[in-house]
Amino acid sequence: MLLDVLDESLRFPRRRYISKRVFCGFLRGGGGGRRASGGARWVFAAVAAAAMLVGLLGGCSGLRPRPAVEYVYVTAKQTVLRDRVAAVSNRTGTVENGQRLEVLEHGRRFFRVKTERGEMGWIDEKAVATQAVYDAFRALGEAHKGDPAVASAVVRDEVNLHLKPGRDTERFYRLAEGEKLELLERATLAKPGVAGAAVAKGAKPGGSAKAGVEGAAPPVAMEDWWLVRAQQGREGWLLSRMMDVDAPDSLTRYGEGQRFVGAYVLTTVHDEGVEGDGAPQGEPQGVSGSKDIPIYLAVMGPYTAGLAYDFDQVRVFTWSLKMHRYETAFREKNIEGYLPVSIKMAKDPYGKSGVAQTPEPTFTYRVLAADAGAVAPDPATGVVTPGRTIAKTYRLEGNLVRRVQAPGIKDEAEAHPVVEEKKKGAGKKK
C-alpha cells in the first residue's frame, strides 16, 4: 500500500522525490546486494512518509491567514515622517493630530507607518496612540454623550485631553488655544510629587494653615480635573488650570479675588448709552454687535483645588442704564454649592402680584444640607458626590432678585465652609 502512495507521488515531475527504484531497493535489500532487515525497511518508510508530510504542509503555506492590520493615531499637534531613524534623515510626509496611520514595521522606539495618502516613513512612538487608547477615548465619548454641560470654558493654551484624571494617564486629542469647552464633571486628586504647600495657601478663611503643628500630618496638595467636551464631540479630562471660565473680562473684574466657576446669561437689557459695540470706559460689548447687554448669574469660589464643593458664592450682575456698568443685584456667600445650575423662564406659583404671573428668568442651585455629613472625593475616581442637598430657587424681576418658595416653609439648616461665630456681647444692652 505504501508503494502505491509513492507511485502516485512520482507523477509530479517538478518536485524532487527519491526515485521509486532506489526507494524499492532500500526496501527489498541493502547496499552490496544484501537484503535489509524488516525493521530497517519500516524505519526508512517512516522517514520517507514524514518528508512527504513536510512537503505537503509547505505547499499549503499560501492558505495561511494574513496578520491583522495594525493602526496607530497621531497625538502630537503636527509632526513629520522620516525615511530612516538617524541623526540625518529626510522628510517623507506630514501628519496631524488624530490622523490614523498603518503600521508597517516595528523599530526601537519608532514605528514605520503609512498614511492614507500613501506616504511612508518612521515616527516616534511617543507621538502616537495605540488602537486600544483610541477605542478607550471613543468609549468615553459614548458613555458621556448625553451628559448636560454644567458650565462653559475656554482653553488657555494648547493641551491634550487625558483618558482619566491624572498627569500620567493616556492622552490623545489636541486642543488649540482659545477653543470652546463644555464642562461635564469635576474630579479632584492628590497632586503628584508635591506635599502639601498648595492646601496651606488655599486654606479656608478663618481656618488654620499652620504646617508645623506638632503631631499633625502635613496637608496633601490637590489638583482639579474636568471632564470636558470639545468641538466635534471630542471628550476627555483636562487640568482645571489649563482653562478659564467663558466670561467677559468686564465681568471677571468684579471677582473680588474669587474664581469664576460658571457664568450664565439670564437675559439681556438694551442700553442706547453704549457706543457702538461697547460701553464707555471699556465696559462689555453688546450681544452680536448690538447694544443688548447680557445679565449674568455667576457662581464663584476660592482659588483652591481639592474643595469638597464646586462654589461658595452666588451673584447676579445686572446692568445700570444710568452708570453703564455692572452692579451686584444679589449675593449669597459662605455656602457649599454644587453644579449644575438650572435656568428657565417661569412664573412664581406662590406670588399674588401681577408680576408673579409673568414669566421671568428663574434659576435654581443646590447647597449642602447641614445634616448631610462630610463630603470627600472618591479615592479611585476623584469625583465628588455630595449627600443631601437643598434646592434654592430665585427669580429676576427687573433689577430685583426674589426667592421662590411656598409660604410657611422654613429654611433648612445649611452647611457652611466657614463656621460663623457669633460676636461676643451681641444683643446685649450697654
Protein backbone atom coordinates (compact mmCIF):
# COMPACT_ATOMS: atom_id res chain seq x y z
CA MET A 1 0.00 0.00 0.00
CA LEU A 2 2.88 2.35 0.78
CA LEU A 3 4.33 1.60 -2.67
CA ASP A 4 1.06 2.69 -4.29
CA VAL A 5 1.19 6.01 -2.47
CA LEU A 6 4.77 6.57 -3.57
CA ASP A 7 3.82 5.64 -7.12
CA GLU A 8 1.18 8.39 -7.15
CA SER A 9 3.62 10.98 -5.77
CA LEU A 10 6.14 10.28 -8.52
CA ARG A 11 3.71 11.56 -11.15
CA PHE A 12 4.69 15.19 -10.37
CA PRO A 13 8.00 15.69 -12.16
CA ARG A 14 8.66 19.24 -10.92
CA ARG A 15 9.06 18.16 -7.29
CA ARG A 16 12.16 16.35 -6.15
CA TYR A 17 11.42 12.90 -4.79
CA ILE A 18 13.51 9.78 -4.11
CA SER A 19 13.25 7.57 -7.18
CA LYS A 20 10.98 4.59 -6.90
CA ARG A 21 13.75 2.23 -7.93
CA VAL A 22 16.14 3.48 -5.28
CA PHE A 23 13.44 3.54 -2.67
CA CYS A 24 12.29 -0.03 -3.50
CA GLY A 25 15.87 -1.16 -3.50
CA PHE A 26 16.27 0.06 0.03
CA LEU A 27 13.07 -1.68 0.97
CA ARG A 28 13.99 -5.02 -0.65
CA GLY A 29 17.67 -5.05 0.10
CA GLY A 30 20.53 -3.01 1.42
CA GLY A 31 23.77 -1.99 -0.23
CA GLY A 32 26.05 -4.65 -1.73
CA GLY A 33 23.01 -6.74 -2.76
CA ARG A 34 22.27 -7.86 0.79
CA ARG A 35 18.68 -7.77 1.93
CA ALA A 36 17.81 -5.30 4.60
CA SER A 37 16.10 -6.41 7.73
CA GLY A 38 12.35 -5.83 8.12
CA GLY A 39 12.95 -3.29 10.91
CA ALA A 40 15.24 -1.20 8.71
CA ARG A 41 12.69 -1.13 5.89
CA TRP A 42 9.97 0.19 8.23
CA VAL A 43 12.26 2.85 9.67
CA PHE A 44 13.12 4.09 6.18
CA ALA A 45 9.42 4.11 5.22
CA ALA A 46 8.57 6.20 8.27
CA VAL A 47 11.26 8.74 7.42
CA ALA A 48 10.03 8.99 3.83
CA ALA A 49 6.41 9.49 4.96
CA ALA A 50 7.48 12.27 7.33
CA ALA A 51 9.36 14.01 4.50
CA MET A 52 6.25 13.85 2.30
CA LEU A 53 4.11 15.35 5.08
CA VAL A 54 6.51 18.28 5.47
CA GLY A 55 6.36 18.88 1.73
CA LEU A 56 2.57 18.92 1.74
CA LEU A 57 2.43 21.35 4.65
CA GLY A 58 4.93 23.62 2.95
CA GLY A 59 2.78 23.66 -0.17
CA CYS A 60 -0.21 24.88 1.87
CA SER A 61 1.60 27.95 3.23
CA GLY A 62 -0.36 30.13 0.82
CA LEU A 63 -3.55 29.26 2.71
CA ARG A 64 -2.33 30.80 5.99
CA PRO A 65 -4.32 33.92 7.11
CA ARG A 66 -2.57 37.26 6.75
CA PRO A 67 -1.77 39.10 10.02
CA ALA A 68 -4.30 41.75 11.09
CA VAL A 69 -3.54 45.32 10.06
CA GLU A 70 -2.24 47.43 12.98
CA TYR A 71 -3.05 51.13 13.31
CA VAL A 72 -1.79 53.98 15.47
CA TYR A 73 -3.13 57.54 15.82
CA VAL A 74 -1.20 60.80 15.96
CA THR A 75 -1.29 62.56 19.35
CA ALA A 76 1.04 65.43 18.50
CA LYS A 77 -0.32 68.64 17.03
CA GLN A 78 1.75 68.05 13.90
CA THR A 79 4.84 66.00 13.16
CA VAL A 80 6.82 64.66 10.20
CA LEU A 81 7.67 61.20 8.89
CA ARG A 82 11.36 60.34 8.24
CA ASP A 83 12.86 57.99 5.69
CA ARG A 84 15.12 56.43 8.34
CA VAL A 85 15.86 56.55 12.05
CA ALA A 86 19.09 58.51 12.11
CA ALA A 87 20.53 61.86 13.10
CA VAL A 88 20.35 62.91 9.46
CA SER A 89 17.19 61.93 7.58
CA ASN A 90 14.75 63.21 5.00
CA ARG A 91 11.12 64.12 5.42
CA THR A 92 8.69 61.84 3.66
CA GLY A 93 5.38 63.26 4.90
CA THR A 94 3.50 65.36 7.45
CA VAL A 95 0.78 64.07 9.81
CA GLU A 96 -1.58 65.86 12.22
CA ASN A 97 -3.41 65.15 15.47
CA GLY A 98 -6.00 62.38 15.24
CA GLN A 99 -4.74 61.04 11.89
CA ARG A 100 -4.75 57.25 11.50
CA LEU A 101 -1.55 55.52 10.36
CA GLU A 102 -0.98 51.93 9.28
CA VAL A 103 1.97 50.24 11.00
CA LEU A 104 4.34 48.54 8.57
CA GLU A 105 7.27 47.77 10.83
CA HIS A 106 8.28 48.00 14.50
CA GLY A 107 11.59 49.52 15.45
CA ARG A 108 13.21 50.52 18.69
CA ARG A 109 11.01 53.37 19.97
CA PHE A 110 9.82 54.05 16.43
CA PHE A 111 7.15 52.81 14.03
CA ARG A 112 7.40 52.65 10.27
CA VAL A 113 3.96 53.76 9.12
CA LYS A 114 1.91 54.51 6.04
CA THR A 115 -0.66 57.29 5.68
CA GLU A 116 -3.93 57.12 3.76
CA ARG A 117 -2.22 59.18 1.03
CA GLY A 118 0.45 56.52 0.64
CA GLU A 119 3.25 58.42 2.41
CA MET A 120 5.60 56.12 4.33
CA GLY A 121 8.18 56.86 6.99
CA TRP A 122 9.29 56.48 10.59
CA ILE A 123 7.57 58.19 13.57
CA ASP A 124 8.39 58.31 17.28
CA GLU A 125 6.16 56.05 19.39
CA LYS A 126 5.64 58.94 21.83
CA ALA A 127 3.84 60.90 19.10
CA VAL A 128 1.14 58.27 18.56
CA ALA A 129 -1.54 56.39 20.49
CA THR A 130 -2.37 52.74 20.05
CA GLN A 131 -5.65 51.37 18.78
CA ALA A 132 -6.61 50.41 22.35
CA VAL A 133 -6.18 54.02 23.54
CA TYR A 134 -8.18 55.33 20.59
CA ASP A 135 -11.00 52.87 21.31
CA ALA A 136 -10.99 53.87 25.00
CA PHE A 137 -11.46 57.54 24.10
CA ARG A 138 -14.32 56.61 21.77
CA ALA A 139 -15.95 54.62 24.58
CA LEU A 140 -15.56 57.58 26.97
CA GLY A 141 -17.31 59.84 24.48
CA GLU A 142 -20.16 57.38 24.01
CA ALA A 143 -20.61 56.96 27.77
CA HIS A 144 -21.00 60.74 28.31
CA LYS A 145 -22.60 61.61 25.00
CA GLY A 146 -25.87 62.75 26.58
CA ASP A 147 -24.45 64.44 29.68
CA PRO A 148 -25.54 68.09 30.01
CA ALA A 149 -22.92 70.79 30.33
CA VAL A 150 -22.69 72.40 33.77
CA ALA A 151 -20.53 75.33 32.63
CA SER A 152 -18.50 76.57 29.67
CA ALA A 153 -14.81 77.43 29.43
CA VAL A 154 -12.02 78.43 27.05
CA VAL A 155 -8.69 76.62 26.62
CA ARG A 156 -5.85 78.74 27.97
CA ASP A 157 -3.05 77.09 25.95
CA GLU A 158 -2.51 74.16 23.59
CA VAL A 159 -3.01 70.95 25.53
CA ASN A 160 -4.00 67.28 25.16
CA LEU A 161 -7.08 65.64 26.65
CA HIS A 162 -6.47 62.73 29.03
CA LEU A 163 -8.34 59.45 29.20
CA LYS A 164 -8.61 59.65 33.01
CA PRO A 165 -7.85 62.32 35.63
CA GLY A 166 -4.11 62.42 36.25
CA ARG A 167 -0.97 63.70 34.59
CA ASP A 168 0.40 60.26 33.78
CA THR A 169 -2.73 58.90 32.10
CA GLU A 170 -3.08 58.25 28.37
CA ARG A 171 -3.65 61.32 26.19
CA PHE A 172 -4.88 61.79 22.64
CA TYR A 173 -6.95 64.74 21.37
CA ARG A 174 -5.06 68.02 20.98
CA LEU A 175 -6.91 71.26 21.77
CA ALA A 176 -5.97 74.65 20.35
CA GLU A 177 -5.64 77.84 22.38
CA GLY A 178 -8.99 79.63 22.69
CA GLU A 179 -11.08 76.57 21.85
CA LYS A 180 -14.52 76.49 23.50
CA LEU A 181 -15.29 73.73 26.00
CA GLU A 182 -18.32 72.33 27.79
CA LEU A 183 -17.64 71.23 31.38
CA LEU A 184 -19.34 67.98 32.38
CA GLU A 185 -17.88 66.71 35.65
CA ARG A 186 -15.19 67.59 38.18
CA ALA A 187 -12.69 65.29 39.87
CA THR A 188 -10.04 66.17 42.45
CA LEU A 189 -6.85 64.18 43.00
CA ALA A 190 -3.66 64.47 45.00
CA LYS A 191 -1.00 66.40 43.15
CA PRO A 192 1.86 64.05 42.24
CA GLY A 193 5.27 64.68 43.73
CA VAL A 194 4.31 67.69 45.87
CA ALA A 195 3.48 67.52 49.57
CA GLY A 196 1.07 69.94 50.90
CA ALA A 197 2.03 73.53 50.29
CA ALA A 198 -0.90 74.27 47.98
CA VAL A 199 -3.50 73.39 50.56
CA ALA A 200 -1.85 75.59 53.15
CA LYS A 201 -2.01 78.53 50.75
CA GLY A 202 -5.65 77.95 49.98
CA ALA A 203 -6.84 77.15 53.47
CA LYS A 204 -10.41 78.11 54.26
CA PRO A 205 -10.87 81.63 55.56
CA GLY A 206 -10.99 81.51 59.32
CA GLY A 207 -9.20 78.15 59.37
CA SER A 208 -5.65 77.40 60.39
CA ALA A 209 -2.96 76.97 57.75
CA LYS A 210 -0.11 76.26 60.15
CA ALA A 211 2.04 73.50 58.76
CA GLY A 212 4.34 72.99 61.71
CA VAL A 213 1.82 71.85 64.31
CA GLU A 214 3.35 69.01 66.28
CA GLY A 215 1.68 65.68 65.64
CA ALA A 216 -0.38 66.93 62.70
CA ALA A 217 0.01 65.27 59.31
CA PRO A 218 1.14 67.62 56.55
CA PRO A 219 -1.70 68.65 54.22
CA VAL A 220 -1.87 66.98 50.82
CA ALA A 221 -1.71 69.26 47.79
CA MET A 222 -4.61 68.65 45.43
CA GLU A 223 -5.47 69.50 41.82
CA ASP A 224 -8.81 69.61 39.99
CA TRP A 225 -9.62 67.92 36.69
CA TRP A 226 -12.66 68.44 34.50
CA LEU A 227 -14.30 66.06 32.06
CA VAL A 228 -14.85 68.33 29.05
CA ARG A 229 -16.49 68.15 25.65
CA ALA A 230 -14.63 69.98 22.88
CA GLN A 231 -15.51 70.62 19.27
CA GLN A 232 -16.55 67.67 17.09
CA GLY A 233 -17.72 65.79 20.19
CA ARG A 234 -14.21 65.04 21.47
CA GLU A 235 -14.27 64.27 25.20
CA GLY A 236 -11.57 63.79 27.80
CA TRP A 237 -10.16 65.07 31.09
CA LEU A 238 -8.34 68.39 31.37
CA LEU A 239 -6.45 70.01 34.24
CA SER A 240 -8.53 72.91 35.54
CA ARG A 241 -5.69 75.43 35.49
CA MET A 242 -5.35 74.94 31.73
CA MET A 243 -8.66 76.68 31.04
CA ASP A 244 -10.68 79.74 32.04
CA VAL A 245 -14.41 80.11 32.52
CA ASP A 246 -16.08 81.58 29.45
CA ALA A 247 -16.93 85.03 30.83
CA PRO A 248 -16.03 88.52 29.56
CA ASP A 249 -13.22 90.44 31.20
CA SER A 250 -15.65 93.23 32.00
CA LEU A 251 -17.44 90.76 34.30
CA THR A 252 -14.49 88.91 35.81
CA ARG A 253 -13.02 92.22 37.00
CA TYR A 254 -15.70 92.18 39.70
CA GLY A 255 -14.49 88.84 41.07
CA GLU A 256 -13.01 90.44 44.22
CA GLY A 257 -10.38 87.74 44.48
CA GLN A 258 -12.80 84.92 43.71
CA ARG A 259 -12.52 82.47 40.82
CA PHE A 260 -15.46 82.29 38.41
CA VAL A 261 -16.68 78.69 38.29
CA GLY A 262 -19.57 79.38 35.92
CA ALA A 263 -21.21 82.38 34.24
CA TYR A 264 -24.72 82.09 32.76
CA VAL A 265 -26.75 84.65 30.83
CA LEU A 266 -30.17 85.21 32.42
CA THR A 267 -31.42 87.82 29.98
CA THR A 268 -30.31 90.98 28.16
CA VAL A 269 -31.04 94.67 28.59
CA HIS A 270 -30.95 97.27 25.82
CA ASP A 271 -28.81 100.30 26.51
CA GLU A 272 -28.63 103.15 23.99
CA GLY A 273 -25.88 104.73 26.07
CA VAL A 274 -23.23 102.31 24.87
CA GLU A 275 -21.09 103.44 21.98
CA GLY A 276 -21.25 101.04 19.06
CA ASP A 277 -20.30 97.58 20.24
CA GLY A 278 -19.14 98.58 23.70
CA ALA A 279 -19.79 100.83 26.64
CA PRO A 280 -17.65 103.71 27.87
CA GLN A 281 -14.54 103.04 29.94
CA GLY A 282 -14.07 99.61 28.39
CA GLU A 283 -17.30 98.11 29.66
CA PRO A 284 -18.71 94.99 27.91
CA GLN A 285 -19.77 94.77 24.32
CA GLY A 286 -23.34 94.12 23.32
CA VAL A 287 -24.64 90.77 22.12
CA SER A 288 -23.80 90.09 18.44
CA GLY A 289 -22.59 93.64 17.91
CA SER A 290 -25.81 95.23 19.21
CA LYS A 291 -26.49 97.36 22.27
CA ASP A 292 -28.08 94.46 24.19
CA ILE A 293 -26.05 93.84 27.34
CA PRO A 294 -26.21 90.35 28.96
CA ILE A 295 -27.28 89.97 32.58
CA TYR A 296 -25.25 87.28 34.33
CA LEU A 297 -25.71 84.72 37.06
CA ALA A 298 -22.25 83.78 38.37
CA VAL A 299 -21.13 81.05 40.74
CA MET A 300 -17.71 81.63 42.29
CA GLY A 301 -15.22 80.06 44.65
CA PRO A 302 -11.71 80.47 46.04
CA TYR A 303 -8.57 79.76 44.01
CA THR A 304 -8.10 76.45 45.80
CA ALA A 305 -8.09 72.94 44.38
CA GLY A 306 -9.45 69.89 46.16
CA LEU A 307 -12.54 71.53 47.66
CA ALA A 308 -15.47 69.29 48.59
CA TYR A 309 -17.87 71.70 46.87
CA ASP A 310 -17.99 73.44 43.48
CA PHE A 311 -18.64 77.02 44.62
CA ASP A 312 -19.20 79.01 47.81
CA GLN A 313 -20.79 82.19 46.42
CA VAL A 314 -23.64 83.11 44.06
CA ARG A 315 -24.00 86.56 42.48
CA VAL A 316 -26.34 88.19 39.97
CA PHE A 317 -24.87 91.04 37.93
CA THR A 318 -27.43 93.46 36.48
CA TRP A 319 -26.75 96.39 34.19
CA SER A 320 -27.13 100.02 35.28
CA LEU A 321 -28.64 102.07 32.45
CA LYS A 322 -27.61 105.23 34.27
CA MET A 323 -23.98 104.38 35.03
CA HIS A 324 -23.50 101.99 32.08
CA ARG A 325 -21.82 99.32 34.18
CA TYR A 326 -22.49 96.09 36.03
CA GLU A 327 -23.85 96.15 39.56
CA THR A 328 -24.50 93.37 42.06
CA ALA A 329 -28.23 92.74 42.47
CA PHE A 330 -27.95 89.54 44.54
CA ARG A 331 -25.26 87.76 46.53
CA GLU A 332 -25.17 84.72 48.79
CA LYS A 333 -21.88 83.74 50.41
CA ASN A 334 -20.42 81.03 52.63
CA ILE A 335 -22.35 78.15 51.09
CA GLU A 336 -21.30 74.73 49.84
CA GLY A 337 -22.86 74.77 46.38
CA TYR A 338 -22.89 72.12 43.67
CA LEU A 339 -23.32 72.21 39.92
CA PRO A 340 -25.35 72.14 37.77
CA VAL A 341 -27.32 75.39 37.94
CA SER A 342 -30.67 75.34 36.12
CA ILE A 343 -32.09 78.42 34.35
CA LYS A 344 -35.51 78.85 32.75
CA MET A 345 -38.30 81.33 32.18
CA ALA A 346 -41.05 80.69 34.73
CA LYS A 347 -43.84 82.24 36.75
CA ASP A 348 -43.90 82.49 40.53
CA PRO A 349 -46.52 79.90 41.57
CA TYR A 350 -46.67 81.32 45.09
CA GLY A 351 -46.81 85.04 44.26
CA LYS A 352 -50.03 87.02 44.31
CA SER A 353 -48.96 90.12 42.41
CA GLY A 354 -49.40 90.62 38.68
CA VAL A 355 -45.65 90.42 38.17
CA ALA A 356 -45.63 86.93 39.66
CA GLN A 357 -47.77 85.65 36.78
CA THR A 358 -45.33 86.96 34.17
CA PRO A 359 -42.57 84.53 33.15
CA GLU A 360 -39.21 85.88 34.25
CA PRO A 361 -35.66 84.45 34.36
CA THR A 362 -35.62 81.86 37.15
CA PHE A 363 -32.58 79.99 38.43
CA THR A 364 -32.05 77.14 40.88
CA TYR A 365 -28.88 75.95 42.58
CA ARG A 366 -28.19 73.31 45.22
CA VAL A 367 -26.38 73.68 48.55
CA LEU A 368 -25.31 71.03 51.03
CA ALA A 369 -27.64 70.42 53.97
CA ALA A 370 -26.20 70.73 57.47
CA ASP A 371 -27.07 67.12 58.30
CA ALA A 372 -25.53 65.68 55.12
CA GLY A 373 -22.21 64.87 56.73
CA ALA A 374 -18.70 65.48 55.45
CA VAL A 375 -18.08 65.22 51.71
CA ALA A 376 -14.89 63.72 50.30
CA PRO A 377 -13.80 62.83 46.76
CA ASP A 378 -13.87 59.21 45.69
CA PRO A 379 -10.35 57.83 46.27
CA ALA A 380 -10.40 55.91 42.97
CA THR A 381 -12.02 58.34 40.53
CA GLY A 382 -11.69 61.67 42.38
CA VAL A 383 -15.33 62.53 41.65
CA VAL A 384 -17.10 64.49 44.40
CA THR A 385 -20.62 63.28 45.21
CA PRO A 386 -22.47 65.26 47.91
CA GLY A 387 -25.02 63.90 50.31
CA ARG A 388 -28.42 65.53 50.82
CA THR A 389 -28.70 68.93 49.18
CA ILE A 390 -31.24 71.77 49.34
CA ALA A 391 -32.57 73.36 46.16
CA LYS A 392 -32.91 77.15 46.28
CA THR A 393 -34.87 78.96 43.55
CA TYR A 394 -34.89 82.68 42.72
CA ARG A 395 -36.46 84.94 40.10
CA LEU A 396 -35.06 88.06 38.46
CA GLU A 397 -37.80 90.72 38.34
CA GLY A 398 -36.31 93.81 36.74
CA ASN A 399 -33.22 94.52 38.82
CA LEU A 400 -34.58 92.71 41.88
CA VAL A 401 -33.97 89.05 42.79
CA ARG A 402 -36.73 87.37 44.83
CA ARG A 403 -36.92 83.94 46.45
CA VAL A 404 -39.44 81.48 45.04
CA GLN A 405 -40.71 79.49 47.99
CA ALA A 406 -44.03 78.19 49.29
CA PRO A 407 -45.45 80.31 52.12
CA GLY A 408 -44.96 78.97 55.63
CA ILE A 409 -41.90 76.90 54.68
CA LYS A 410 -38.96 77.41 57.00
CA ASP A 411 -35.44 77.50 55.66
CA GLU A 412 -33.48 74.33 56.33
CA ALA A 413 -30.12 74.41 58.05
CA GLU A 414 -27.26 74.55 55.54
CA ALA A 415 -23.62 73.54 55.70
CA HIS A 416 -21.07 76.34 55.65
CA PRO A 417 -17.40 76.10 54.69
CA VAL A 418 -16.55 78.66 57.36
CA VAL A 419 -18.23 78.44 60.74
CA GLU A 420 -19.77 81.79 61.53
CA GLU A 421 -19.14 82.58 65.17
CA LYS A 422 -21.48 84.92 66.98
CA LYS A 423 -19.91 88.11 68.14
CA LYS A 424 -19.36 88.37 71.84
CA GLY A 425 -21.86 90.63 73.56
CA ALA A 426 -24.15 90.74 70.54
CA GLY A 427 -27.68 91.69 71.52
CA LYS A 428 -26.71 92.92 74.98
CA LYS A 429 -27.57 96.40 76.04
CA LYS A 430 -24.79 98.62 77.19
